């Protein structure tokens, strides 16, 4: 059975750094499973550094106004995994988007419901808050687990509910992979501090200019309202960028709100990752590593040595 390494964890846990070490030590190919790093023009916003851009598959290939489903991810990731095996390399999936990971490793995870363009035309003008409320009424269980700030995912959930009445909680069998799932975790205090420092560094590196360039590019194709909706869908600090541009908040306030939003996002990620980790079948090798412990990287490398040999 083909072996597959998955490195997961919240933002600011050093997934890319350890993935690079693993790829170097075991002749691996890194494949991103990050739902924001797929976009072309926002490397600072998505936390994509130059090293990742050069050496990681499935990053920086999609326009910000294009949609990309978990099913789309699974198809592309499977293609990259196949190429890795053909080159006798180890595929290393890196990312914290649990929905992407589920679609990749489980058979028949995604309900086979066709896109309903008429329904989408009715739902797309609605705000995220309106869509959240509709979902809460129609399927409270899915409401509790979905990323409430991801408008395309909210619309897809309602599309499935419209067709079959609910979003099924799938417990499917694994695809034909022998998996080592690595969960990088640490203290809330250390994570929040790193998120704060990272965000401030990205501001210094030009995050706001990057956003302005994206805005100008999108305005060539869309109305101001539509552009604002695209920024809102991207989420995190972009939820507040128009308030800054419209002088409703200062730059310092934008920075504080952006940091707080990313810290809240990391907290939500932990909930998703924990559930994903707990529900993995018994034939998956899985380990949780505390990134605050001395020597945790060496422990990962030693455990992988045993797994791969």
C-alpha atoms as a PDB file:
ATOM      1  CA  UNK A   1       0.000   0.000   0.000  1.00  0.00           C
ATOM      2  CA  UNK A   2       1.328   3.460  -0.923  1.00  0.00           C
ATOM      3  CA  UNK A   3       2.472   5.585   2.000  1.00  0.00           C
ATOM      4  CA  UNK A   4       1.197   9.121   2.572  1.00  0.00           C
ATOM      5  CA  UNK A   5       2.325  11.694   5.154  1.00  0.00           C
ATOM      6  CA  UNK A   6      -0.128  14.341   6.365  1.00  0.00           C
ATOM      7  CA  UNK A   7       1.038  17.318   8.441  1.00  0.00           C
ATOM      8  CA  UNK A   8      -1.782  19.248  10.051  1.00  0.00           C
ATOM      9  CA  UNK A   9      -2.184  21.927  12.690  1.00  0.00           C
ATOM     10  CA  UNK A  10      -3.531  25.427  13.118  1.00  0.00           C
ATOM     11  CA  UNK A  11      -1.999  28.506  11.589  1.00  0.00           C
ATOM     12  CA  UNK A  12       1.352  29.481  13.163  1.00  0.00           C
ATOM     13  CA  UNK A  13       2.418  25.976  14.211  1.00  0.00           C
ATOM     14  CA  UNK A  14       5.305  25.645  11.761  1.00  0.00           C
ATOM     15  CA  UNK A  15       3.776  23.103   9.370  1.00  0.00           C
ATOM     16  CA  UNK A  16       5.746  24.376   6.355  1.00  0.00           C
ATOM     17  CA  UNK A  17       9.043  24.336   8.227  1.00  0.00           C
ATOM     18  CA  UNK A  18       8.756  20.739   9.410  1.00  0.00           C
ATOM     19  CA  UNK A  19       7.376  19.669   6.010  1.00  0.00           C
ATOM     20  CA  UNK A  20      10.490  21.085   4.362  1.00  0.00           C
ATOM     21  CA  UNK A  21      12.711  19.075   6.737  1.00  0.00           C
ATOM     22  CA  UNK A  22      10.733  15.906   6.078  1.00  0.00           C
ATOM     23  CA  UNK A  23      10.885  16.435   2.308  1.00  0.00           C
ATOM     24  CA  UNK A  24      14.658  16.928   2.486  1.00  0.00           C
ATOM     25  CA  UNK A  25      15.263  13.919   4.748  1.00  0.00           C
ATOM     26  CA  UNK A  26      12.979  11.459   2.977  1.00  0.00           C
ATOM     27  CA  UNK A  27      12.950  12.692  -0.625  1.00  0.00           C
ATOM     28  CA  UNK A  28       9.395  13.958  -0.458  1.00  0.00           C
ATOM     29  CA  UNK A  29       7.073  16.180  -2.476  1.00  0.00           C
ATOM     30  CA  UNK A  30       5.049  18.799  -0.563  1.00  0.00           C
ATOM     31  CA  UNK A  31       1.394  19.227  -1.547  1.00  0.00           C
ATOM     32  CA  UNK A  32      -0.595  22.015   0.083  1.00  0.00           C
ATOM     33  CA  UNK A  33      -4.020  21.438   1.627  1.00  0.00           C
ATOM     34  CA  UNK A  34      -4.614  25.083   2.527  1.00  0.00           C
ATOM     35  CA  UNK A  35      -7.835  26.690   1.284  1.00  0.00           C
ATOM     36  CA  UNK A  36      -6.322  30.194   1.042  1.00  0.00           C
ATOM     37  CA  UNK A  37      -2.865  29.457  -0.338  1.00  0.00           C
ATOM     38  CA  UNK A  38      -4.475  28.264  -3.575  1.00  0.00           C
ATOM     39  CA  UNK A  39      -4.923  31.912  -4.637  1.00  0.00           C
ATOM     40  CA  UNK A  40      -2.448  33.643  -6.922  1.00  0.00           C
ATOM     41  CA  UNK A  41      -2.246  37.228  -5.769  1.00  0.00           C
ATOM     42  CA  UNK A  42      -2.353  37.155  -1.952  1.00  0.00           C
ATOM     43  CA  UNK A  43       0.780  35.371  -0.647  1.00  0.00           C
ATOM     44  CA  UNK A  44       1.110  37.750   2.304  1.00  0.00           C
ATOM     45  CA  UNK A  45      -2.547  37.391   3.265  1.00  0.00           C
ATOM     46  CA  UNK A  46      -2.398  33.587   3.035  1.00  0.00           C
ATOM     47  CA  UNK A  47       0.983  33.299   4.780  1.00  0.00           C
ATOM     48  CA  UNK A  48       2.658  31.751   1.741  1.00  0.00           C
ATOM     49  CA  UNK A  49       6.403  32.385   1.826  1.00  0.00           C
ATOM     50  CA  UNK A  50       8.824  32.268  -1.101  1.00  0.00           C
ATOM     51  CA  UNK A  51      10.138  28.835  -0.123  1.00  0.00           C
ATOM     52  CA  UNK A  52       6.629  27.357  -0.264  1.00  0.00           C
ATOM     53  CA  UNK A  53       5.948  29.083  -3.579  1.00  0.00           C
ATOM     54  CA  UNK A  54       8.958  27.395  -5.166  1.00  0.00           C
ATOM     55  CA  UNK A  55       8.708  23.928  -3.667  1.00  0.00           C
ATOM     56  CA  UNK A  56       5.057  23.157  -2.883  1.00  0.00           C
ATOM     57  CA  UNK A  57       2.345  21.862  -5.202  1.00  0.00           C
ATOM     58  CA  UNK A  58      -1.197  23.291  -5.294  1.00  0.00           C
ATOM     59  CA  UNK A  59      -0.304  26.809  -4.208  1.00  0.00           C
ATOM     60  CA  UNK A  60      -0.834  30.111  -6.009  1.00  0.00           C
ATOM     61  CA  UNK A  61      -2.714  28.805  -9.053  1.00  0.00           C
ATOM     62  CA  UNK A  62      -6.267  30.189  -8.765  1.00  0.00           C
ATOM     63  CA  UNK A  63      -7.756  33.668  -9.246  1.00  0.00           C
ATOM     64  CA  UNK A  64      -9.416  35.088  -6.143  1.00  0.00           C
ATOM     65  CA  UNK A  65     -12.805  35.323  -7.872  1.00  0.00           C
ATOM     66  CA  UNK A  66     -12.806  31.625  -8.816  1.00  0.00           C
ATOM     67  CA  UNK A  67     -14.339  28.836  -6.754  1.00  0.00           C
ATOM     68  CA  UNK A  68     -12.518  25.664  -5.742  1.00  0.00           C
ATOM     69  CA  UNK A  69     -14.363  22.878  -3.962  1.00  0.00           C
ATOM     70  CA  UNK A  70     -13.100  20.081  -1.740  1.00  0.00           C
ATOM     71  CA  UNK A  71     -13.821  17.752  -4.652  1.00  0.00           C
ATOM     72  CA  UNK A  72     -11.648  19.893  -6.940  1.00  0.00           C
ATOM     73  CA  UNK A  73      -8.874  19.712  -4.355  1.00  0.00           C
ATOM     74  CA  UNK A  74      -9.108  15.923  -4.086  1.00  0.00           C
ATOM     75  CA  UNK A  75      -8.773  15.493  -7.858  1.00  0.00           C
ATOM     76  CA  UNK A  76      -5.735  17.775  -8.113  1.00  0.00           C
ATOM     77  CA  UNK A  77      -4.084  16.366  -4.990  1.00  0.00           C
ATOM     78  CA  UNK A  78      -4.568  12.781  -6.194  1.00  0.00           C
ATOM     79  CA  UNK A  79      -2.928  13.730  -9.496  1.00  0.00           C
ATOM     80  CA  UNK A  80       0.097  15.183  -7.657  1.00  0.00           C
ATOM     81  CA  UNK A  81       0.286  12.154  -5.349  1.00  0.00           C
ATOM     82  CA  UNK A  82       0.304   9.835  -8.369  1.00  0.00           C
ATOM     83  CA  UNK A  83       3.159  11.837  -9.923  1.00  0.00           C
ATOM     84  CA  UNK A  84       5.119  11.598  -6.663  1.00  0.00           C
ATOM     85  CA  UNK A  85       4.770   7.817  -6.571  1.00  0.00           C
ATOM     86  CA  UNK A  86       5.837   7.585 -10.219  1.00  0.00           C
ATOM     87  CA  UNK A  87       9.006   9.509  -9.302  1.00  0.00           C
ATOM     88  CA  UNK A  88       9.566   7.240  -6.257  1.00  0.00           C
ATOM     89  CA  UNK A  89       9.017  10.162  -3.895  1.00  0.00           C
ATOM     90  CA  UNK A  90       6.931  10.401  -0.730  1.00  0.00           C
ATOM     91  CA  UNK A  91       3.891  12.717  -0.981  1.00  0.00           C
ATOM     92  CA  UNK A  92       3.591  15.054   2.017  1.00  0.00           C
ATOM     93  CA  UNK A  93       0.213  16.767   2.440  1.00  0.00           C
ATOM     94  CA  UNK A  94       0.577  20.022   4.389  1.00  0.00           C
ATOM     95  CA  UNK A  95      -2.345  22.053   5.677  1.00  0.00           C
ATOM     96  CA  UNK A  96      -5.043  22.674   8.244  1.00  0.00           C
ATOM     97  CA  UNK A  97      -8.150  22.540   6.026  1.00  0.00           C
ATOM     98  CA  UNK A  98      -9.829  19.411   7.405  1.00  0.00           C
ATOM     99  CA  UNK A  99     -12.565  19.355   4.746  1.00  0.00           C
ATOM    100  CA  UNK A 100      -9.885  19.123   2.054  1.00  0.00           C
ATOM    101  CA  UNK A 101      -8.171  16.289   3.920  1.00  0.00           C
ATOM    102  CA  UNK A 102     -11.412  14.343   4.359  1.00  0.00           C
ATOM    103  CA  UNK A 103     -12.180  14.595   0.654  1.00  0.00           C
ATOM    104  CA  UNK A 104      -8.693  13.278  -0.120  1.00  0.00           C
ATOM    105  CA  UNK A 105      -8.419  10.253   2.152  1.00  0.00           C
ATOM    106  CA  UNK A 106     -11.992   8.911   2.397  1.00  0.00           C
ATOM    107  CA  UNK A 107     -13.851   7.066  -0.339  1.00  0.00           C
ATOM    108  CA  UNK A 108     -17.176   8.635  -1.391  1.00  0.00           C
ATOM    109  CA  UNK A 109     -16.805  11.374   1.228  1.00  0.00           C
ATOM    110  CA  UNK A 110     -18.540  14.041  -0.844  1.00  0.00           C
ATOM    111  CA  UNK A 111     -22.264  13.683  -1.603  1.00  0.00           C
ATOM    112  CA  UNK A 112     -22.874  13.256  -5.322  1.00  0.00           C
ATOM    113  CA  UNK A 113     -25.173  16.257  -5.701  1.00  0.00           C
ATOM    114  CA  UNK A 114     -25.028  18.256  -8.914  1.00  0.00           C
ATOM    115  CA  UNK A 115     -24.566  22.033  -8.928  1.00  0.00           C
ATOM    116  CA  UNK A 116     -27.925  23.816  -8.929  1.00  0.00           C
ATOM    117  CA  UNK A 117     -27.381  27.111 -10.756  1.00  0.00           C
ATOM    118  CA  UNK A 118     -30.940  28.376 -10.127  1.00  0.00           C
ATOM    119  CA  UNK A 119     -30.575  27.856  -6.382  1.00  0.00           C
ATOM    120  CA  UNK A 120     -27.122  29.436  -6.378  1.00  0.00           C
ATOM    121  CA  UNK A 121     -28.482  32.556  -8.089  1.00  0.00           C
ATOM    122  CA  UNK A 122     -30.956  32.898  -5.211  1.00  0.00           C
ATOM    123  CA  UNK A 123     -28.391  32.245  -2.483  1.00  0.00           C
ATOM    124  CA  UNK A 124     -25.352  34.197  -3.727  1.00  0.00           C
ATOM    125  CA  UNK A 125     -26.858  37.690  -3.101  1.00  0.00           C
ATOM    126  CA  UNK A 126     -27.521  36.787   0.537  1.00  0.00           C
ATOM    127  CA  UNK A 127     -25.022  37.751   3.251  1.00  0.00           C
ATOM    128  CA  UNK A 128     -22.974  35.199   5.170  1.00  0.00           C
ATOM    129  CA  UNK A 129     -25.140  35.868   8.232  1.00  0.00           C
ATOM    130  CA  UNK A 130     -28.341  35.133   6.291  1.00  0.00           C
ATOM    131  CA  UNK A 131     -26.898  31.904   4.889  1.00  0.00           C
ATOM    132  CA  UNK A 132     -25.738  30.874   8.369  1.00  0.00           C
ATOM    133  CA  UNK A 133     -29.242  31.343   9.742  1.00  0.00           C
ATOM    134  CA  UNK A 134     -30.848  29.321   6.915  1.00  0.00           C
ATOM    135  CA  UNK A 135     -28.357  26.486   7.482  1.00  0.00           C
ATOM    136  CA  UNK A 136     -28.920  26.593  11.245  1.00  0.00           C
ATOM    137  CA  UNK A 137     -32.648  26.100  10.715  1.00  0.00           C
ATOM    138  CA  UNK A 138     -32.343  23.393   8.035  1.00  0.00           C
ATOM    139  CA  UNK A 139     -29.441  21.318   9.398  1.00  0.00           C
ATOM    140  CA  UNK A 140     -28.283  22.218  12.944  1.00  0.00           C
ATOM    141  CA  UNK A 141     -25.686  19.431  12.941  1.00  0.00           C
ATOM    142  CA  UNK A 142     -23.904  20.731   9.826  1.00  0.00           C
ATOM    143  CA  UNK A 143     -24.173  24.279  11.204  1.00  0.00           C
ATOM    144  CA  UNK A 144     -22.087  23.224  14.207  1.00  0.00           C
ATOM    145  CA  UNK A 145     -19.230  21.814  12.104  1.00  0.00           C
ATOM    146  CA  UNK A 146     -19.039  24.018   8.993  1.00  0.00           C
ATOM    147  CA  UNK A 147     -16.683  26.988   8.563  1.00  0.00           C
ATOM    148  CA  UNK A 148     -19.305  29.706   9.067  1.00  0.00           C
ATOM    149  CA  UNK A 149     -17.089  32.334   7.409  1.00  0.00           C
ATOM    150  CA  UNK A 150     -16.791  30.379   4.154  1.00  0.00           C
ATOM    151  CA  UNK A 151     -19.658  31.554   1.951  1.00  0.00           C
ATOM    152  CA  UNK A 152     -19.081  29.100  -0.946  1.00  0.00           C
ATOM    153  CA  UNK A 153     -19.140  26.221   1.532  1.00  0.00           C
ATOM    154  CA  UNK A 154     -22.360  27.518   3.116  1.00  0.00           C
ATOM    155  CA  UNK A 155     -23.982  27.679  -0.323  1.00  0.00           C
ATOM    156  CA  UNK A 156     -22.799  24.158  -1.174  1.00  0.00           C
ATOM    157  CA  UNK A 157     -24.222  22.821   2.101  1.00  0.00           C
ATOM    158  CA  UNK A 158     -27.612  24.392   1.342  1.00  0.00           C
ATOM    159  CA  UNK A 159     -27.436  22.992  -2.189  1.00  0.00           C
ATOM    160  CA  UNK A 160     -26.972  19.472  -0.781  1.00  0.00           C
ATOM    161  CA  UNK A 161     -29.769  19.994   1.752  1.00  0.00           C
ATOM    162  CA  UNK A 162     -32.083  21.173  -1.034  1.00  0.00           C
ATOM    163  CA  UNK A 163     -31.429  17.928  -2.905  1.00  0.00           C
ATOM    164  CA  UNK A 164     -31.353  15.262  -0.167  1.00  0.00           C
ATOM    165  CA  UNK A 165     -32.653  17.052   2.953  1.00  0.00           C
ATOM    166  CA  UNK A 166     -29.438  17.155   5.016  1.00  0.00           C
ATOM    167  CA  UNK A 167     -25.652  17.109   4.746  1.00  0.00           C
ATOM    168  CA  UNK A 168     -24.656  13.492   5.475  1.00  0.00           C
ATOM    169  CA  UNK A 169     -22.033  12.788   8.145  1.00  0.00           C
ATOM    170  CA  UNK A 170     -19.955  10.282   6.245  1.00  0.00           C
ATOM    171  CA  UNK A 171     -17.935   7.574   7.939  1.00  0.00           C
ATOM    172  CA  UNK A 172     -16.472   6.076   4.812  1.00  0.00           C
ATOM    173  CA  UNK A 173     -13.589   3.678   4.372  1.00  0.00           C
ATOM    174  CA  UNK A 174     -10.150   5.015   3.587  1.00  0.00           C
ATOM    175  CA  UNK A 175      -8.764   5.171   0.099  1.00  0.00           C
ATOM    176  CA  UNK A 176      -5.782   2.955  -0.663  1.00  0.00           C
ATOM    177  CA  UNK A 177      -3.180   4.852   1.395  1.00  0.00           C
ATOM    178  CA  UNK A 178      -1.054   3.889   4.382  1.00  0.00           C
ATOM    179  CA  UNK A 179      -1.196   7.169   6.291  1.00  0.00           C
ATOM    180  CA  UNK A 180       0.930   8.788   8.979  1.00  0.00           C
ATOM    181  CA  UNK A 181      -1.056  11.752  10.300  1.00  0.00           C
ATOM    182  CA  UNK A 182       1.029  14.324  12.185  1.00  0.00           C
ATOM    183  CA  UNK A 183      -0.783  16.912  14.324  1.00  0.00           C
ATOM    184  CA  UNK A 184       1.369  19.856  15.389  1.00  0.00           C
ATOM    185  CA  UNK A 185      -0.003  21.520  18.509  1.00  0.00           C
ATOM    186  CA  UNK A 186       1.149  23.913  21.211  1.00  0.00           C
ATOM    187  CA  UNK A 187      -0.059  26.288  23.889  1.00  0.00           C
ATOM    188  CA  UNK A 188      -2.692  28.928  23.127  1.00  0.00           C
ATOM    189  CA  UNK A 189      -0.430  31.655  24.517  1.00  0.00           C
ATOM    190  CA  UNK A 190       2.495  30.775  22.255  1.00  0.00           C
ATOM    191  CA  UNK A 191       0.212  30.371  19.230  1.00  0.00           C
ATOM    192  CA  UNK A 192      -1.536  33.708  19.791  1.00  0.00           C
ATOM    193  CA  UNK A 193       1.793  35.507  20.199  1.00  0.00           C
ATOM    194  CA  UNK A 194       3.174  33.984  17.010  1.00  0.00           C
ATOM    195  CA  UNK A 195       0.003  34.925  15.107  1.00  0.00           C
ATOM    196  CA  UNK A 196       0.359  38.502  16.357  1.00  0.00           C
ATOM    197  CA  UNK A 197       4.028  38.724  15.387  1.00  0.00           C
ATOM    198  CA  UNK A 198       3.422  37.100  11.999  1.00  0.00           C
ATOM    199  CA  UNK A 199       0.567  39.460  11.185  1.00  0.00           C
ATOM    200  CA  UNK A 200       2.592  42.547  12.096  1.00  0.00           C
ATOM    201  CA  UNK A 201       5.464  41.291   9.930  1.00  0.00           C
ATOM    202  CA  UNK A 202       3.105  40.759   6.987  1.00  0.00           C
ATOM    203  CA  UNK A 203       1.832  44.326   7.430  1.00  0.00           C
ATOM    204  CA  UNK A 204       5.428  45.562   7.265  1.00  0.00           C
ATOM    205  CA  UNK A 205       5.999  43.430   4.170  1.00  0.00           C
ATOM    206  CA  UNK A 206       3.070  45.050   2.358  1.00  0.00           C
ATOM    207  CA  UNK A 207      -0.151  43.159   3.154  1.00  0.00           C
ATOM    208  CA  UNK A 208      -2.305  46.280   2.713  1.00  0.00           C
ATOM    209  CA  UNK A 209      -0.644  47.169  -0.583  1.00  0.00           C
ATOM    210  CA  UNK A 210      -1.192  43.589  -1.740  1.00  0.00           C
ATOM    211  CA  UNK A 211      -4.905  43.926  -0.909  1.00  0.00           C
ATOM    212  CA  UNK A 212      -5.141  47.261  -2.738  1.00  0.00           C
ATOM    213  CA  UNK A 213      -3.543  45.768  -5.852  1.00  0.00           C
ATOM    214  CA  UNK A 214      -6.055  42.912  -5.752  1.00  0.00           C
ATOM    215  CA  UNK A 215      -8.911  45.416  -5.360  1.00  0.00           C
ATOM    216  CA  UNK A 216      -7.765  47.407  -8.404  1.00  0.00           C
ATOM    217  CA  UNK A 217      -7.465  44.242 -10.469  1.00  0.00           C
ATOM    218  CA  UNK A 218     -10.924  42.979  -9.520  1.00  0.00           C
ATOM    219  CA  UNK A 219     -12.556  46.362 -10.164  1.00  0.00           C
ATOM    220  CA  UNK A 220     -11.743  45.933 -13.858  1.00  0.00           C
ATOM    221  CA  UNK A 221     -14.260  43.062 -13.963  1.00  0.00           C
ATOM    222  CA  UNK A 222     -16.709  43.656 -11.103  1.00  0.00           C
ATOM    223  CA  UNK A 223     -18.741  46.339  -9.355  1.00  0.00           C
ATOM    224  CA  UNK A 224     -17.499  47.715  -6.036  1.00  0.00           C
ATOM    225  CA  UNK A 225     -20.152  45.723  -4.183  1.00  0.00           C
ATOM    226  CA  UNK A 226     -19.070  42.507  -5.899  1.00  0.00           C
ATOM    227  CA  UNK A 227     -15.401  43.184  -5.125  1.00  0.00           C
ATOM    228  CA  UNK A 228     -16.261  43.810  -1.490  1.00  0.00           C
ATOM    229  CA  UNK A 229     -18.095  40.463  -1.441  1.00  0.00           C
ATOM    230  CA  UNK A 230     -14.995  38.671  -2.805  1.00  0.00           C
ATOM    231  CA  UNK A 231     -12.871  40.185  -0.030  1.00  0.00           C
ATOM    232  CA  UNK A 232     -15.486  39.190   2.542  1.00  0.00           C
ATOM    233  CA  UNK A 233     -15.494  35.606   1.239  1.00  0.00           C
ATOM    234  CA  UNK A 234     -11.716  35.412   1.627  1.00  0.00           C
ATOM    235  CA  UNK A 235     -12.309  36.179   5.298  1.00  0.00           C
ATOM    236  CA  UNK A 236      -9.903  36.859   8.179  1.00  0.00           C
ATOM    237  CA  UNK A 237      -8.424  40.386   8.104  1.00  0.00           C
ATOM    238  CA  UNK A 238     -10.000  41.083   4.699  1.00  0.00           C
ATOM    239  CA  UNK A 239     -13.361  41.301   6.471  1.00  0.00           C
ATOM    240  CA  UNK A 240     -12.200  44.660   7.844  1.00  0.00           C
ATOM    241  CA  UNK A 241     -10.183  46.039   4.921  1.00  0.00           C
ATOM    242  CA  UNK A 242     -13.042  48.130   3.500  1.00  0.00           C
ATOM    243  CA  UNK A 243     -13.660  49.730   6.895  1.00  0.00           C
ATOM    244  CA  UNK A 244     -10.003  50.786   6.820  1.00  0.00           C
ATOM    245  CA  UNK A 245     -10.152  52.041   3.222  1.00  0.00           C
ATOM    246  CA  UNK A 246     -13.358  53.953   4.002  1.00  0.00           C
ATOM    247  CA  UNK A 247     -11.714  55.587   7.065  1.00  0.00           C
ATOM    248  CA  UNK A 248     -14.099  53.927   9.506  1.00  0.00           C
ATOM    249  CA  UNK A 249     -11.168  52.428  11.395  1.00  0.00           C
ATOM    250  CA  UNK A 250      -7.485  53.385  11.670  1.00  0.00           C
ATOM    251  CA  UNK A 251      -4.611  51.218  10.485  1.00  0.00           C
ATOM    252  CA  UNK A 252      -3.829  50.313  14.099  1.00  0.00           C
ATOM    253  CA  UNK A 253      -7.446  49.223  14.594  1.00  0.00           C
ATOM    254  CA  UNK A 254      -7.308  47.184  11.365  1.00  0.00           C
ATOM    255  CA  UNK A 255      -4.169  45.437  12.639  1.00  0.00           C
ATOM    256  CA  UNK A 256      -5.748  44.668  16.026  1.00  0.00           C
ATOM    257  CA  UNK A 257      -8.904  43.306  14.377  1.00  0.00           C
ATOM    258  CA  UNK A 258      -6.858  41.251  11.896  1.00  0.00           C
ATOM    259  CA  UNK A 259      -4.782  39.665  14.672  1.00  0.00           C
ATOM    260  CA  UNK A 260      -7.888  38.900  16.728  1.00  0.00           C
ATOM    261  CA  UNK A 261      -9.639  37.325  13.728  1.00  0.00           C
ATOM    262  CA  UNK A 262      -6.696  35.032  12.966  1.00  0.00           C
ATOM    263  CA  UNK A 263      -6.490  33.999  16.619  1.00  0.00           C
ATOM    264  CA  UNK A 264     -10.210  33.147  16.588  1.00  0.00           C
ATOM    265  CA  UNK A 265      -9.720  31.223  13.339  1.00  0.00           C
ATOM    266  CA  UNK A 266      -6.942  29.149  14.931  1.00  0.00           C
ATOM    267  CA  UNK A 267      -9.276  28.306  17.806  1.00  0.00           C
ATOM    268  CA  UNK A 268     -11.904  27.063  15.334  1.00  0.00           C
ATOM    269  CA  UNK A 269      -9.257  25.074  13.475  1.00  0.00           C
ATOM    270  CA  UNK A 270      -8.379  23.196  16.669  1.00  0.00           C
ATOM    271  CA  UNK A 271     -12.003  22.069  17.005  1.00  0.00           C
ATOM    272  CA  UNK A 272     -12.044  20.701  13.433  1.00  0.00           C
ATOM    273  CA  UNK A 273      -8.587  19.102  13.667  1.00  0.00           C
ATOM    274  CA  UNK A 274      -9.321  17.465  17.028  1.00  0.00           C
ATOM    275  CA  UNK A 275     -12.506  15.873  15.699  1.00  0.00           C
ATOM    276  CA  UNK A 276     -10.748  14.770  12.514  1.00  0.00           C
ATOM    277  CA  UNK A 277      -7.876  13.266  14.534  1.00  0.00           C
ATOM    278  CA  UNK A 278     -10.181  11.410  16.934  1.00  0.00           C
ATOM    279  CA  UNK A 279     -12.293   9.946  14.121  1.00  0.00           C
ATOM    280  CA  UNK A 280      -9.403   8.587  12.056  1.00  0.00           C
ATOM    281  CA  UNK A 281      -9.689   4.799  11.639  1.00  0.00           C
ATOM    282  CA  UNK A 282      -7.469   2.519  13.700  1.00  0.00           C
ATOM    283  CA  UNK A 283      -5.323   1.563  10.711  1.00  0.00           C
ATOM    284  CA  UNK A 284      -4.048   5.150  10.388  1.00  0.00           C
ATOM    285  CA  UNK A 285      -0.843   5.877  12.273  1.00  0.00           C
ATOM    286  CA  UNK A 286      -1.403   9.178  14.042  1.00  0.00           C
ATOM    287  CA  UNK A 287       0.637  11.206  16.501  1.00  0.00           C
ATOM    288  CA  UNK A 288       0.207  14.570  18.188  1.00  0.00           C
ATOM    289  CA  UNK A 289       3.403  16.566  18.799  1.00  0.00           C
ATOM    290  CA  UNK A 290       3.823  19.493  21.176  1.00  0.00           C
ATOM    291  CA  UNK A 291       5.857  22.079  19.273  1.00  0.00           C
ATOM    292  CA  UNK A 292       6.950  23.704  22.542  1.00  0.00           C
ATOM    293  CA  UNK A 293       8.907  20.592  23.578  1.00  0.00           C
ATOM    294  CA  UNK A 294      12.623  20.411  22.898  1.00  0.00           C
ATOM    295  CA  UNK A 295      13.491  17.863  20.254  1.00  0.00           C
ATOM    296  CA  UNK A 296       9.974  17.466  18.846  1.00  0.00           C
ATOM    297  CA  UNK A 297      11.275  17.761  15.268  1.00  0.00           C
ATOM    298  CA  UNK A 298      13.812  14.981  15.825  1.00  0.00           C
ATOM    299  CA  UNK A 299      11.064  12.813  17.314  1.00  0.00           C
ATOM    300  CA  UNK A 300       8.928  13.330  14.196  1.00  0.00           C
ATOM    301  CA  UNK A 301      11.836  12.408  11.934  1.00  0.00           C
ATOM    302  CA  UNK A 302      12.592   9.283  13.991  1.00  0.00           C
ATOM    303  CA  UNK A 303       8.932   8.210  13.954  1.00  0.00           C
ATOM    304  CA  UNK A 304       8.801   8.741  10.188  1.00  0.00           C
ATOM    305  CA  UNK A 305      11.979   6.712   9.726  1.00  0.00           C
ATOM    306  CA  UNK A 306      10.229   3.780  11.398  1.00  0.00           C
ATOM    307  CA  UNK A 307       7.029   4.336   9.406  1.00  0.00           C
ATOM    308  CA  UNK A 308       8.733   4.493   6.027  1.00  0.00           C
ATOM    309  CA  UNK A 309      11.087   1.529   6.542  1.00  0.00           C
END
